[in-house]
């Protein structure tokens, strides 16, 4: 599957906000946004003043795409599925992205970034309802249980991530077990529970033209 393999800090700078693509580095003073919060390129400082109309809608879409690590064709499929479903399209779009298995692994604290979560899922370190799940885009459902595979509990990357994210908390729609090696999807995420500073309605307007 195609994926972005370039420098990720420039993506945060282009959007003017932290997308948390670099894991623990994003929480330190080494974060690119902390050091130089301007779009990349020699004309970066003058770019934002020119954004209006379509440009604003495009930027909102790019923020969401880059945050969850999906490319255009896949993102459009998420939008079309949300548009066909009864409800508020923008909120359903974000809910679908939040339900991705790699995002859940990141949210629950088994990885320091979604990119790392995606790799861990592909390597088969997790179980969904007791069965091996190695597809990052797998959509979890209410009541599902995601667990670290027995042989991966002591995996160095997962152990480091669990220590690193202690104290940050997890979303209300996820519940960790006492041992911290499995989590349950208590409910589907609502817009209020999705901590993402974007205006999803602008994305709906962009695709509705």
N, C-alpha and C. Protein backbone atom coordinates (compact mmCIF):
# COMPACT_ATOMS: atom_id res chain seq x y z
N UNK A 1 0.85 -1.19 0.00
CA UNK A 1 0.00 0.00 0.00
C UNK A 1 0.88 1.24 0.00
N UNK A 2 0.51 2.24 -0.78
CA UNK A 2 1.28 3.48 -0.83
C UNK A 2 1.18 4.21 0.51
N UNK A 3 2.26 4.88 0.88
CA UNK A 3 2.26 5.65 2.10
C UNK A 3 3.28 6.76 2.00
N UNK A 4 3.13 7.78 2.81
CA UNK A 4 4.06 8.90 2.82
C UNK A 4 5.31 8.49 3.59
N UNK A 5 6.49 8.66 2.98
CA UNK A 5 7.73 8.25 3.63
C UNK A 5 8.70 9.42 3.79
N UNK A 6 8.22 10.63 3.52
CA UNK A 6 9.07 11.81 3.66
C UNK A 6 9.15 12.28 5.11
N UNK A 7 9.84 13.40 5.35
CA UNK A 7 9.93 13.96 6.71
C UNK A 7 8.58 14.42 7.21
N UNK A 8 8.18 13.98 8.40
CA UNK A 8 6.84 14.27 8.88
C UNK A 8 6.73 15.62 9.59
N UNK A 9 7.83 16.12 10.12
CA UNK A 9 7.76 17.41 10.83
C UNK A 9 7.36 18.54 9.89
N UNK A 10 7.71 18.43 8.61
CA UNK A 10 7.33 19.46 7.66
C UNK A 10 5.81 19.47 7.43
N UNK A 11 5.17 18.32 7.64
CA UNK A 11 3.70 18.27 7.50
C UNK A 11 3.04 19.07 8.62
N UNK A 12 3.56 18.94 9.84
CA UNK A 12 3.03 19.72 10.96
C UNK A 12 3.23 21.21 10.70
N UNK A 13 4.41 21.57 10.21
CA UNK A 13 4.70 22.98 9.94
C UNK A 13 3.79 23.51 8.83
N UNK A 14 3.50 22.68 7.85
CA UNK A 14 2.62 23.13 6.76
C UNK A 14 1.22 23.41 7.26
N UNK A 15 0.76 22.61 8.21
CA UNK A 15 -0.59 22.79 8.74
C UNK A 15 -0.63 23.77 9.90
N UNK A 16 0.53 24.14 10.43
CA UNK A 16 0.58 25.13 11.50
C UNK A 16 0.10 24.60 12.84
N UNK A 17 0.16 23.28 13.04
CA UNK A 17 -0.28 22.69 14.30
C UNK A 17 0.38 21.33 14.49
N UNK A 18 0.42 20.87 15.72
CA UNK A 18 0.99 19.56 16.00
C UNK A 18 0.03 18.47 15.53
N UNK A 19 0.53 17.58 14.69
CA UNK A 19 -0.26 16.44 14.25
C UNK A 19 0.17 15.18 14.99
N UNK A 20 1.17 15.31 15.86
CA UNK A 20 1.68 14.21 16.68
C UNK A 20 2.08 13.01 15.81
N UNK A 21 2.91 13.29 14.81
CA UNK A 21 3.36 12.26 13.89
C UNK A 21 4.70 11.66 14.29
N UNK A 22 5.39 12.31 15.24
CA UNK A 22 6.74 11.91 15.60
C UNK A 22 6.80 11.24 16.98
N UNK A 23 5.66 10.89 17.52
CA UNK A 23 5.65 10.22 18.80
C UNK A 23 6.08 11.13 19.94
N UNK A 24 6.97 10.62 20.80
CA UNK A 24 7.36 11.34 22.01
C UNK A 24 8.08 12.65 21.71
N UNK A 25 8.71 12.77 20.56
CA UNK A 25 9.41 14.01 20.21
C UNK A 25 8.44 15.20 20.19
N UNK A 26 7.19 14.94 19.85
CA UNK A 26 6.19 16.00 19.75
C UNK A 26 5.88 16.65 21.10
N UNK A 27 6.26 15.98 22.18
CA UNK A 27 5.98 16.49 23.52
C UNK A 27 7.20 17.17 24.14
N UNK A 28 8.26 17.37 23.35
CA UNK A 28 9.47 18.01 23.85
C UNK A 28 9.73 19.32 23.11
N UNK A 29 10.76 20.03 23.58
CA UNK A 29 11.12 21.30 22.94
C UNK A 29 11.76 21.09 21.58
N UNK A 30 12.05 19.83 21.22
CA UNK A 30 12.63 19.53 19.92
C UNK A 30 11.58 19.53 18.81
N UNK A 31 10.30 19.59 19.17
CA UNK A 31 9.22 19.59 18.19
C UNK A 31 9.40 20.75 17.22
N UNK A 32 9.20 20.49 15.93
CA UNK A 32 9.40 21.51 14.91
C UNK A 32 8.47 22.71 15.10
N UNK A 33 7.26 22.46 15.59
CA UNK A 33 6.31 23.55 15.81
C UNK A 33 6.80 24.47 16.92
N UNK A 34 7.46 23.90 17.92
CA UNK A 34 7.99 24.71 19.02
C UNK A 34 9.17 25.55 18.55
N UNK A 35 9.96 25.01 17.61
CA UNK A 35 11.18 25.70 17.18
C UNK A 35 10.93 26.72 16.06
N UNK A 36 10.08 26.36 15.09
CA UNK A 36 9.83 27.28 13.97
C UNK A 36 8.46 26.96 13.37
N UNK A 37 7.46 27.62 13.86
CA UNK A 37 6.09 27.35 13.42
C UNK A 37 5.73 28.15 12.17
N UNK A 38 6.41 27.85 11.06
CA UNK A 38 6.11 28.44 9.77
C UNK A 38 6.12 27.34 8.72
N UNK A 39 5.31 27.45 7.66
CA UNK A 39 5.32 26.43 6.60
C UNK A 39 6.71 26.26 6.01
N UNK A 40 7.07 25.05 5.57
CA UNK A 40 8.39 24.82 4.98
C UNK A 40 8.54 25.54 3.65
N UNK A 41 9.77 25.77 3.27
CA UNK A 41 10.04 26.44 2.00
C UNK A 41 10.43 27.90 2.20
N UNK A 42 11.09 28.48 1.20
CA UNK A 42 11.58 29.84 1.34
C UNK A 42 10.48 30.89 1.39
N UNK A 43 9.28 30.53 0.92
CA UNK A 43 8.16 31.47 0.96
C UNK A 43 7.16 31.11 2.05
N UNK A 44 7.59 30.28 3.00
CA UNK A 44 6.69 29.78 4.03
C UNK A 44 5.99 30.86 4.83
N UNK A 45 6.71 31.92 5.19
CA UNK A 45 6.13 32.95 6.04
C UNK A 45 4.99 33.70 5.38
N UNK A 46 4.95 33.72 4.06
CA UNK A 46 3.90 34.48 3.36
C UNK A 46 2.73 33.61 2.90
N UNK A 47 2.81 32.30 3.11
CA UNK A 47 1.77 31.40 2.60
C UNK A 47 0.42 31.58 3.31
N UNK A 48 0.45 31.66 4.63
CA UNK A 48 -0.81 31.63 5.37
C UNK A 48 -1.69 32.83 5.10
N UNK A 49 -1.09 33.96 4.79
CA UNK A 49 -1.87 35.17 4.55
C UNK A 49 -2.71 35.04 3.28
N UNK A 50 -2.33 34.12 2.38
CA UNK A 50 -3.01 33.98 1.10
C UNK A 50 -4.16 32.96 1.14
N UNK A 51 -4.26 32.19 2.22
CA UNK A 51 -5.25 31.11 2.28
C UNK A 51 -6.66 31.67 2.50
N UNK A 52 -7.59 31.27 1.64
CA UNK A 52 -8.99 31.70 1.78
C UNK A 52 -9.88 30.75 0.97
N UNK A 53 -11.17 30.68 1.33
CA UNK A 53 -12.12 29.87 0.57
C UNK A 53 -11.71 28.43 0.42
N UNK A 54 -11.48 28.02 -0.81
CA UNK A 54 -11.09 26.64 -1.11
C UNK A 54 -9.84 26.25 -0.34
N UNK A 55 -8.90 27.17 -0.22
CA UNK A 55 -7.65 26.87 0.48
C UNK A 55 -7.88 26.47 1.92
N UNK A 56 -8.80 27.13 2.61
CA UNK A 56 -9.10 26.82 3.99
C UNK A 56 -9.71 25.43 4.10
N UNK A 57 -10.62 25.10 3.18
CA UNK A 57 -11.25 23.78 3.17
C UNK A 57 -10.21 22.69 2.91
N UNK A 58 -9.30 22.97 1.98
CA UNK A 58 -8.26 22.00 1.65
C UNK A 58 -7.35 21.75 2.84
N UNK A 59 -6.99 22.79 3.55
CA UNK A 59 -6.11 22.65 4.70
C UNK A 59 -6.75 21.79 5.79
N UNK A 60 -8.06 21.95 6.01
CA UNK A 60 -8.74 21.13 7.00
C UNK A 60 -8.70 19.66 6.60
N UNK A 61 -8.90 19.39 5.32
CA UNK A 61 -8.84 18.01 4.85
C UNK A 61 -7.43 17.45 5.04
N UNK A 62 -6.43 18.23 4.69
CA UNK A 62 -5.04 17.77 4.80
C UNK A 62 -4.67 17.48 6.25
N UNK A 63 -5.15 18.31 7.17
CA UNK A 63 -4.88 18.07 8.59
C UNK A 63 -5.37 16.69 9.01
N UNK A 64 -6.60 16.37 8.64
CA UNK A 64 -7.19 15.09 9.05
C UNK A 64 -6.48 13.93 8.36
N UNK A 65 -6.25 14.04 7.06
CA UNK A 65 -5.55 12.99 6.32
C UNK A 65 -4.20 12.69 6.92
N UNK A 66 -3.45 13.73 7.19
CA UNK A 66 -2.09 13.55 7.69
C UNK A 66 -2.07 13.08 9.13
N UNK A 67 -3.03 13.50 9.91
CA UNK A 67 -3.11 13.05 11.30
C UNK A 67 -3.29 11.53 11.37
N UNK A 68 -4.21 11.01 10.56
CA UNK A 68 -4.50 9.57 10.61
C UNK A 68 -3.64 8.75 9.64
N UNK A 69 -2.84 9.42 8.82
CA UNK A 69 -1.93 8.70 7.94
C UNK A 69 -2.58 7.97 6.79
N UNK A 70 -3.63 8.56 6.21
CA UNK A 70 -4.28 7.93 5.05
C UNK A 70 -4.07 8.82 3.82
N UNK A 71 -4.05 8.20 2.65
CA UNK A 71 -3.87 8.94 1.41
C UNK A 71 -5.22 9.29 0.79
N UNK A 72 -5.18 10.03 -0.30
CA UNK A 72 -6.39 10.63 -0.86
C UNK A 72 -7.49 9.63 -1.21
N UNK A 73 -7.16 8.57 -1.95
CA UNK A 73 -8.19 7.62 -2.37
C UNK A 73 -8.88 6.96 -1.18
N UNK A 74 -8.08 6.58 -0.20
CA UNK A 74 -8.65 5.94 0.99
C UNK A 74 -9.50 6.93 1.78
N UNK A 75 -9.02 8.17 1.88
CA UNK A 75 -9.77 9.18 2.61
C UNK A 75 -11.11 9.46 1.94
N UNK A 76 -11.11 9.50 0.61
CA UNK A 76 -12.36 9.74 -0.11
C UNK A 76 -13.36 8.60 0.13
N UNK A 77 -12.87 7.38 0.22
CA UNK A 77 -13.75 6.26 0.51
C UNK A 77 -14.38 6.39 1.89
N UNK A 78 -13.60 6.85 2.85
CA UNK A 78 -14.15 7.09 4.19
C UNK A 78 -15.25 8.15 4.12
N UNK A 79 -15.00 9.21 3.35
CA UNK A 79 -15.99 10.27 3.24
C UNK A 79 -17.26 9.76 2.57
N UNK A 80 -17.12 9.02 1.47
CA UNK A 80 -18.29 8.53 0.74
C UNK A 80 -19.12 7.59 1.61
N UNK A 81 -18.44 6.76 2.43
CA UNK A 81 -19.17 5.86 3.33
C UNK A 81 -19.92 6.67 4.38
N UNK A 82 -19.28 7.72 4.90
CA UNK A 82 -19.93 8.57 5.90
C UNK A 82 -21.11 9.32 5.29
N UNK A 83 -20.96 9.72 4.04
CA UNK A 83 -22.01 10.48 3.35
C UNK A 83 -23.24 9.62 3.10
N UNK A 84 -23.03 8.30 2.94
CA UNK A 84 -24.15 7.38 2.69
C UNK A 84 -24.86 6.97 3.98
N UNK A 85 -24.20 7.23 5.11
CA UNK A 85 -24.75 6.81 6.40
C UNK A 85 -25.61 7.91 7.01
N UNK A 86 -26.70 7.52 7.63
CA UNK A 86 -27.59 8.50 8.25
C UNK A 86 -26.89 9.14 9.44
N UNK A 87 -26.89 10.46 9.46
CA UNK A 87 -26.24 11.19 10.55
C UNK A 87 -25.48 12.39 10.02
N UNK A 88 -24.67 12.99 10.87
CA UNK A 88 -23.87 14.16 10.48
C UNK A 88 -22.60 13.66 9.80
N UNK A 89 -22.47 13.94 8.53
CA UNK A 89 -21.39 13.38 7.72
C UNK A 89 -20.01 13.64 8.30
N UNK A 90 -19.72 14.87 8.68
CA UNK A 90 -18.39 15.20 9.19
C UNK A 90 -18.04 14.42 10.44
N UNK A 91 -18.99 14.29 11.34
CA UNK A 91 -18.74 13.55 12.58
C UNK A 91 -18.58 12.06 12.31
N UNK A 92 -19.37 11.54 11.38
CA UNK A 92 -19.26 10.12 11.02
C UNK A 92 -17.91 9.83 10.37
N UNK A 93 -17.40 10.80 9.61
CA UNK A 93 -16.09 10.66 8.97
C UNK A 93 -15.00 10.52 10.03
N UNK A 94 -15.02 11.42 11.01
CA UNK A 94 -14.02 11.37 12.07
C UNK A 94 -14.16 10.10 12.90
N UNK A 95 -15.40 9.69 13.13
CA UNK A 95 -15.63 8.47 13.90
C UNK A 95 -15.04 7.26 13.19
N UNK A 96 -15.22 7.20 11.87
CA UNK A 96 -14.67 6.09 11.09
C UNK A 96 -13.15 6.03 11.18
N UNK A 97 -12.52 7.19 11.14
CA UNK A 97 -11.06 7.24 11.23
C UNK A 97 -10.59 6.87 12.63
N UNK A 98 -11.33 7.29 13.65
CA UNK A 98 -10.98 6.94 15.03
C UNK A 98 -11.08 5.44 15.27
N UNK A 99 -11.97 4.79 14.54
CA UNK A 99 -12.20 3.36 14.74
C UNK A 99 -11.16 2.48 14.06
N UNK A 100 -10.26 3.07 13.32
CA UNK A 100 -9.18 2.29 12.71
C UNK A 100 -8.37 1.60 13.80
N UNK A 101 -7.98 0.37 13.58
CA UNK A 101 -7.25 -0.39 14.59
C UNK A 101 -5.93 0.29 14.95
N UNK A 102 -5.19 0.82 13.95
CA UNK A 102 -3.93 1.47 14.29
C UNK A 102 -4.14 2.70 15.17
N UNK A 103 -5.24 3.41 14.95
CA UNK A 103 -5.53 4.57 15.79
C UNK A 103 -5.87 4.15 17.21
N UNK A 104 -6.63 3.05 17.35
CA UNK A 104 -7.00 2.57 18.68
C UNK A 104 -5.74 2.15 19.45
N UNK A 105 -4.83 1.47 18.76
CA UNK A 105 -3.57 1.06 19.40
C UNK A 105 -2.81 2.28 19.89
N UNK A 106 -2.80 3.34 19.09
CA UNK A 106 -2.15 4.59 19.49
C UNK A 106 -2.88 5.25 20.66
N UNK A 107 -4.19 5.34 20.56
CA UNK A 107 -4.99 6.01 21.59
C UNK A 107 -4.88 5.32 22.94
N UNK A 108 -4.77 4.00 22.93
CA UNK A 108 -4.76 3.26 24.19
C UNK A 108 -3.36 3.24 24.81
N UNK A 109 -2.36 3.67 24.04
CA UNK A 109 -1.01 3.80 24.59
C UNK A 109 -0.06 2.65 24.32
N UNK A 110 -0.35 1.84 23.30
CA UNK A 110 0.54 0.74 22.96
C UNK A 110 1.58 1.16 21.90
N UNK A 111 1.49 2.39 21.45
CA UNK A 111 2.44 2.93 20.48
C UNK A 111 2.55 4.43 20.71
N UNK A 112 3.69 5.01 20.41
CA UNK A 112 3.89 6.44 20.64
C UNK A 112 3.39 7.30 19.48
N UNK A 113 3.11 6.67 18.35
CA UNK A 113 2.58 7.40 17.19
C UNK A 113 1.72 6.45 16.38
N UNK A 114 0.90 7.00 15.51
CA UNK A 114 0.06 6.15 14.66
C UNK A 114 0.90 5.37 13.66
N UNK A 115 2.00 5.95 13.23
CA UNK A 115 2.88 5.25 12.28
C UNK A 115 3.49 4.01 12.95
N UNK A 116 3.91 4.16 14.20
CA UNK A 116 4.44 3.01 14.92
C UNK A 116 3.35 1.98 15.17
N UNK A 117 2.14 2.45 15.50
CA UNK A 117 1.02 1.55 15.73
C UNK A 117 0.72 0.75 14.46
N UNK A 118 0.77 1.42 13.31
CA UNK A 118 0.51 0.75 12.04
C UNK A 118 1.51 -0.38 11.81
N UNK A 119 2.77 -0.11 12.10
CA UNK A 119 3.81 -1.13 11.92
C UNK A 119 3.62 -2.30 12.88
N UNK A 120 3.29 -2.00 14.13
CA UNK A 120 3.09 -3.06 15.11
C UNK A 120 1.90 -3.95 14.74
N UNK A 121 0.83 -3.32 14.23
CA UNK A 121 -0.33 -4.09 13.80
C UNK A 121 0.04 -5.00 12.63
N UNK A 122 0.75 -4.47 11.67
CA UNK A 122 1.14 -5.28 10.50
C UNK A 122 2.02 -6.46 10.89
N UNK A 123 2.80 -6.30 11.95
CA UNK A 123 3.67 -7.38 12.40
C UNK A 123 2.94 -8.39 13.28
N UNK A 124 1.64 -8.18 13.47
CA UNK A 124 0.83 -9.17 14.16
C UNK A 124 0.97 -9.24 15.66
N UNK A 125 1.20 -8.10 16.32
CA UNK A 125 1.39 -8.09 17.77
C UNK A 125 0.09 -8.01 18.56
N UNK A 126 -1.07 -7.88 17.88
CA UNK A 126 -2.32 -7.66 18.60
C UNK A 126 -3.42 -8.65 18.17
N UNK A 127 -4.35 -8.84 19.09
CA UNK A 127 -5.50 -9.69 18.84
C UNK A 127 -6.76 -8.85 18.99
N UNK A 128 -7.75 -9.12 18.15
CA UNK A 128 -9.07 -8.50 18.28
C UNK A 128 -10.06 -9.62 18.55
N UNK A 129 -10.67 -9.57 19.72
CA UNK A 129 -11.60 -10.63 20.15
C UNK A 129 -10.94 -12.01 20.07
N UNK A 130 -9.66 -12.06 20.45
CA UNK A 130 -8.94 -13.33 20.52
C UNK A 130 -8.34 -13.81 19.22
N UNK A 131 -8.56 -13.07 18.14
CA UNK A 131 -8.04 -13.48 16.83
C UNK A 131 -7.00 -12.48 16.33
N UNK A 132 -5.99 -13.01 15.66
CA UNK A 132 -4.93 -12.16 15.14
C UNK A 132 -5.49 -11.14 14.16
N UNK A 133 -5.08 -9.88 14.32
CA UNK A 133 -5.53 -8.81 13.42
C UNK A 133 -4.29 -8.05 12.95
N UNK A 134 -4.01 -8.09 11.65
CA UNK A 134 -2.82 -7.42 11.15
C UNK A 134 -3.14 -6.42 10.03
N UNK A 135 -4.39 -5.92 10.03
CA UNK A 135 -4.80 -4.92 9.04
C UNK A 135 -5.02 -3.60 9.78
N UNK A 136 -4.15 -2.60 9.59
CA UNK A 136 -4.25 -1.32 10.31
C UNK A 136 -5.58 -0.62 10.15
N UNK A 137 -6.23 -0.77 8.99
CA UNK A 137 -7.48 -0.06 8.73
C UNK A 137 -8.71 -0.80 9.26
N UNK A 138 -8.51 -1.94 9.91
CA UNK A 138 -9.64 -2.70 10.46
C UNK A 138 -10.48 -1.79 11.36
N UNK A 139 -11.79 -1.78 11.15
CA UNK A 139 -12.68 -0.91 11.93
C UNK A 139 -13.21 -1.67 13.14
N UNK A 140 -12.83 -1.21 14.32
CA UNK A 140 -13.30 -1.85 15.55
C UNK A 140 -14.77 -1.49 15.78
N UNK A 141 -15.45 -2.31 16.56
CA UNK A 141 -16.86 -2.10 16.88
C UNK A 141 -17.05 -2.02 18.40
N UNK A 142 -18.17 -1.49 18.80
CA UNK A 142 -18.47 -1.42 20.22
C UNK A 142 -18.50 -2.83 20.80
N UNK A 143 -17.81 -3.02 21.92
CA UNK A 143 -17.75 -4.33 22.56
C UNK A 143 -16.52 -5.13 22.20
N UNK A 144 -15.79 -4.73 21.16
CA UNK A 144 -14.57 -5.44 20.77
C UNK A 144 -13.51 -5.32 21.86
N UNK A 145 -12.66 -6.33 21.95
CA UNK A 145 -11.53 -6.31 22.87
C UNK A 145 -10.24 -6.41 22.08
N UNK A 146 -9.34 -5.48 22.31
CA UNK A 146 -8.04 -5.47 21.65
C UNK A 146 -6.99 -5.82 22.69
N UNK A 147 -6.20 -6.84 22.43
CA UNK A 147 -5.21 -7.30 23.41
C UNK A 147 -3.85 -7.46 22.76
N UNK A 148 -2.82 -7.26 23.59
CA UNK A 148 -1.46 -7.53 23.14
C UNK A 148 -1.27 -9.04 23.13
N UNK A 149 -0.75 -9.58 22.05
CA UNK A 149 -0.53 -11.02 21.95
C UNK A 149 0.42 -11.47 23.06
N UNK A 150 0.18 -12.63 23.61
CA UNK A 150 0.97 -13.12 24.75
C UNK A 150 2.48 -13.02 24.50
N UNK A 151 2.89 -13.38 23.31
CA UNK A 151 4.32 -13.36 23.01
C UNK A 151 4.88 -11.97 22.77
N UNK A 152 4.00 -10.95 22.75
CA UNK A 152 4.44 -9.58 22.48
C UNK A 152 4.33 -8.65 23.68
N UNK A 153 3.88 -9.20 24.82
CA UNK A 153 3.70 -8.35 26.01
C UNK A 153 5.01 -7.67 26.40
N UNK A 154 6.14 -8.37 26.21
CA UNK A 154 7.44 -7.82 26.58
C UNK A 154 8.17 -7.19 25.40
N UNK A 155 7.44 -6.98 24.29
CA UNK A 155 8.05 -6.33 23.13
C UNK A 155 8.60 -4.96 23.54
N UNK A 156 9.83 -4.66 23.17
CA UNK A 156 10.50 -3.44 23.62
C UNK A 156 9.75 -2.17 23.21
N UNK A 157 9.25 -2.14 21.98
CA UNK A 157 8.55 -0.95 21.49
C UNK A 157 7.24 -0.71 22.25
N UNK A 158 6.50 -1.80 22.49
CA UNK A 158 5.23 -1.68 23.19
C UNK A 158 5.46 -1.30 24.66
N UNK A 159 6.45 -1.94 25.29
CA UNK A 159 6.77 -1.64 26.68
C UNK A 159 7.19 -0.18 26.84
N UNK A 160 8.03 0.29 25.94
CA UNK A 160 8.48 1.69 25.99
C UNK A 160 7.31 2.64 25.80
N UNK A 161 6.43 2.32 24.87
CA UNK A 161 5.27 3.18 24.61
C UNK A 161 4.36 3.25 25.83
N UNK A 162 4.12 2.11 26.47
CA UNK A 162 3.25 2.07 27.65
C UNK A 162 3.82 2.91 28.78
N UNK A 163 5.13 2.90 28.93
CA UNK A 163 5.77 3.73 29.96
C UNK A 163 5.72 5.20 29.59
N UNK A 164 5.93 5.47 28.31
CA UNK A 164 6.01 6.85 27.83
C UNK A 164 4.68 7.59 27.96
N UNK A 165 3.58 6.90 27.73
CA UNK A 165 2.28 7.58 27.71
C UNK A 165 1.55 7.56 29.05
N UNK A 166 2.18 7.02 30.07
CA UNK A 166 1.55 7.00 31.39
C UNK A 166 1.21 8.43 31.83
N UNK A 167 0.02 8.61 32.34
CA UNK A 167 -0.37 9.92 32.82
C UNK A 167 -1.10 10.76 31.79
N UNK A 168 -1.01 10.40 30.51
CA UNK A 168 -1.71 11.17 29.48
C UNK A 168 -3.19 10.81 29.40
N UNK A 169 -3.53 9.64 29.89
CA UNK A 169 -4.92 9.22 29.85
C UNK A 169 -5.32 8.66 28.49
N UNK A 170 -6.48 8.03 28.46
CA UNK A 170 -7.02 7.49 27.20
C UNK A 170 -8.43 8.02 27.02
N UNK A 171 -8.94 8.02 25.79
CA UNK A 171 -10.31 8.51 25.54
C UNK A 171 -11.35 7.76 26.35
N UNK A 172 -12.47 8.43 26.62
CA UNK A 172 -13.52 7.85 27.45
C UNK A 172 -14.17 6.62 26.80
N UNK A 173 -14.08 6.52 25.48
CA UNK A 173 -14.74 5.40 24.81
C UNK A 173 -13.90 4.12 24.83
N UNK A 174 -12.71 4.19 25.45
CA UNK A 174 -11.84 3.02 25.59
C UNK A 174 -11.65 2.70 27.07
N UNK A 175 -11.56 1.42 27.39
CA UNK A 175 -11.37 1.00 28.78
C UNK A 175 -10.23 0.00 28.85
N UNK A 176 -9.21 0.30 29.66
CA UNK A 176 -8.08 -0.60 29.85
C UNK A 176 -8.38 -1.60 30.96
N UNK A 177 -7.86 -2.82 30.83
CA UNK A 177 -8.01 -3.77 31.91
C UNK A 177 -6.98 -3.46 33.00
N UNK A 178 -7.08 -4.16 34.12
CA UNK A 178 -6.21 -3.89 35.26
C UNK A 178 -4.74 -4.07 34.91
N UNK A 179 -4.43 -5.11 34.16
CA UNK A 179 -3.04 -5.39 33.80
C UNK A 179 -2.52 -4.45 32.72
N UNK A 180 -3.45 -3.81 32.02
CA UNK A 180 -3.05 -2.88 30.97
C UNK A 180 -2.64 -3.53 29.67
N UNK A 181 -2.90 -4.84 29.54
CA UNK A 181 -2.51 -5.55 28.32
C UNK A 181 -3.66 -5.74 27.34
N UNK A 182 -4.83 -5.27 27.70
CA UNK A 182 -5.96 -5.33 26.77
C UNK A 182 -6.88 -4.14 27.01
N UNK A 183 -7.64 -3.80 26.00
CA UNK A 183 -8.58 -2.67 26.10
C UNK A 183 -9.88 -3.05 25.43
N UNK A 184 -10.95 -2.46 25.90
CA UNK A 184 -12.28 -2.75 25.36
C UNK A 184 -12.88 -1.49 24.76
N UNK A 185 -13.58 -1.66 23.65
CA UNK A 185 -14.28 -0.54 23.01
C UNK A 185 -15.61 -0.38 23.74
N UNK A 186 -15.64 0.51 24.72
CA UNK A 186 -16.83 0.67 25.56
C UNK A 186 -18.00 1.25 24.77
N UNK A 187 -17.68 2.15 23.85
CA UNK A 187 -18.72 2.78 23.02
C UNK A 187 -18.04 3.35 21.80
N UNK A 188 -18.81 3.73 20.81
CA UNK A 188 -18.24 4.39 19.64
C UNK A 188 -17.95 5.84 20.00
N UNK A 189 -16.85 6.39 19.51
CA UNK A 189 -16.46 7.75 19.89
C UNK A 189 -17.44 8.82 19.38
N UNK A 190 -17.76 9.76 20.24
CA UNK A 190 -18.58 10.90 19.84
C UNK A 190 -17.64 12.03 19.43
N UNK A 191 -18.19 13.07 18.81
CA UNK A 191 -17.34 14.19 18.38
C UNK A 191 -16.64 14.84 19.57
N UNK A 192 -17.35 14.93 20.71
CA UNK A 192 -16.77 15.56 21.89
C UNK A 192 -15.59 14.75 22.43
N UNK A 193 -15.56 13.46 22.15
CA UNK A 193 -14.50 12.59 22.66
C UNK A 193 -13.33 12.49 21.69
N UNK A 194 -13.47 13.05 20.50
CA UNK A 194 -12.39 13.02 19.51
C UNK A 194 -11.60 14.32 19.63
N UNK A 195 -10.44 14.23 20.23
CA UNK A 195 -9.63 15.42 20.49
C UNK A 195 -8.85 15.81 19.24
N UNK A 196 -9.55 16.45 18.32
CA UNK A 196 -8.93 16.85 17.06
C UNK A 196 -9.44 18.24 16.68
N UNK A 197 -8.58 19.26 16.74
CA UNK A 197 -9.01 20.64 16.47
C UNK A 197 -9.16 20.95 14.98
N UNK A 198 -10.20 20.39 14.38
CA UNK A 198 -10.47 20.66 12.97
C UNK A 198 -11.96 20.99 12.80
N UNK A 199 -12.27 21.65 11.69
CA UNK A 199 -13.66 21.96 11.36
C UNK A 199 -14.08 20.99 10.25
N UNK A 200 -14.61 19.86 10.65
CA UNK A 200 -14.94 18.82 9.69
C UNK A 200 -16.00 19.24 8.68
N UNK A 201 -16.82 20.22 9.02
CA UNK A 201 -17.84 20.68 8.09
C UNK A 201 -17.22 21.26 6.83
N UNK A 202 -16.03 21.85 6.97
CA UNK A 202 -15.34 22.41 5.80
C UNK A 202 -14.91 21.29 4.84
N UNK A 203 -14.62 20.12 5.38
CA UNK A 203 -14.25 18.98 4.54
C UNK A 203 -15.48 18.51 3.76
N UNK A 204 -16.63 18.50 4.43
CA UNK A 204 -17.89 18.11 3.78
C UNK A 204 -18.18 19.09 2.64
N UNK A 205 -18.00 20.37 2.90
CA UNK A 205 -18.25 21.39 1.87
C UNK A 205 -17.29 21.22 0.70
N UNK A 206 -16.05 20.87 0.99
CA UNK A 206 -15.05 20.66 -0.07
C UNK A 206 -15.45 19.53 -1.01
N UNK A 207 -15.86 18.40 -0.45
CA UNK A 207 -16.22 17.25 -1.26
C UNK A 207 -17.61 17.36 -1.87
N UNK A 208 -18.40 18.31 -1.41
CA UNK A 208 -19.76 18.46 -1.93
C UNK A 208 -19.84 19.40 -3.12
N UNK A 209 -18.72 19.96 -3.51
CA UNK A 209 -18.74 20.91 -4.64
C UNK A 209 -18.97 20.19 -5.97
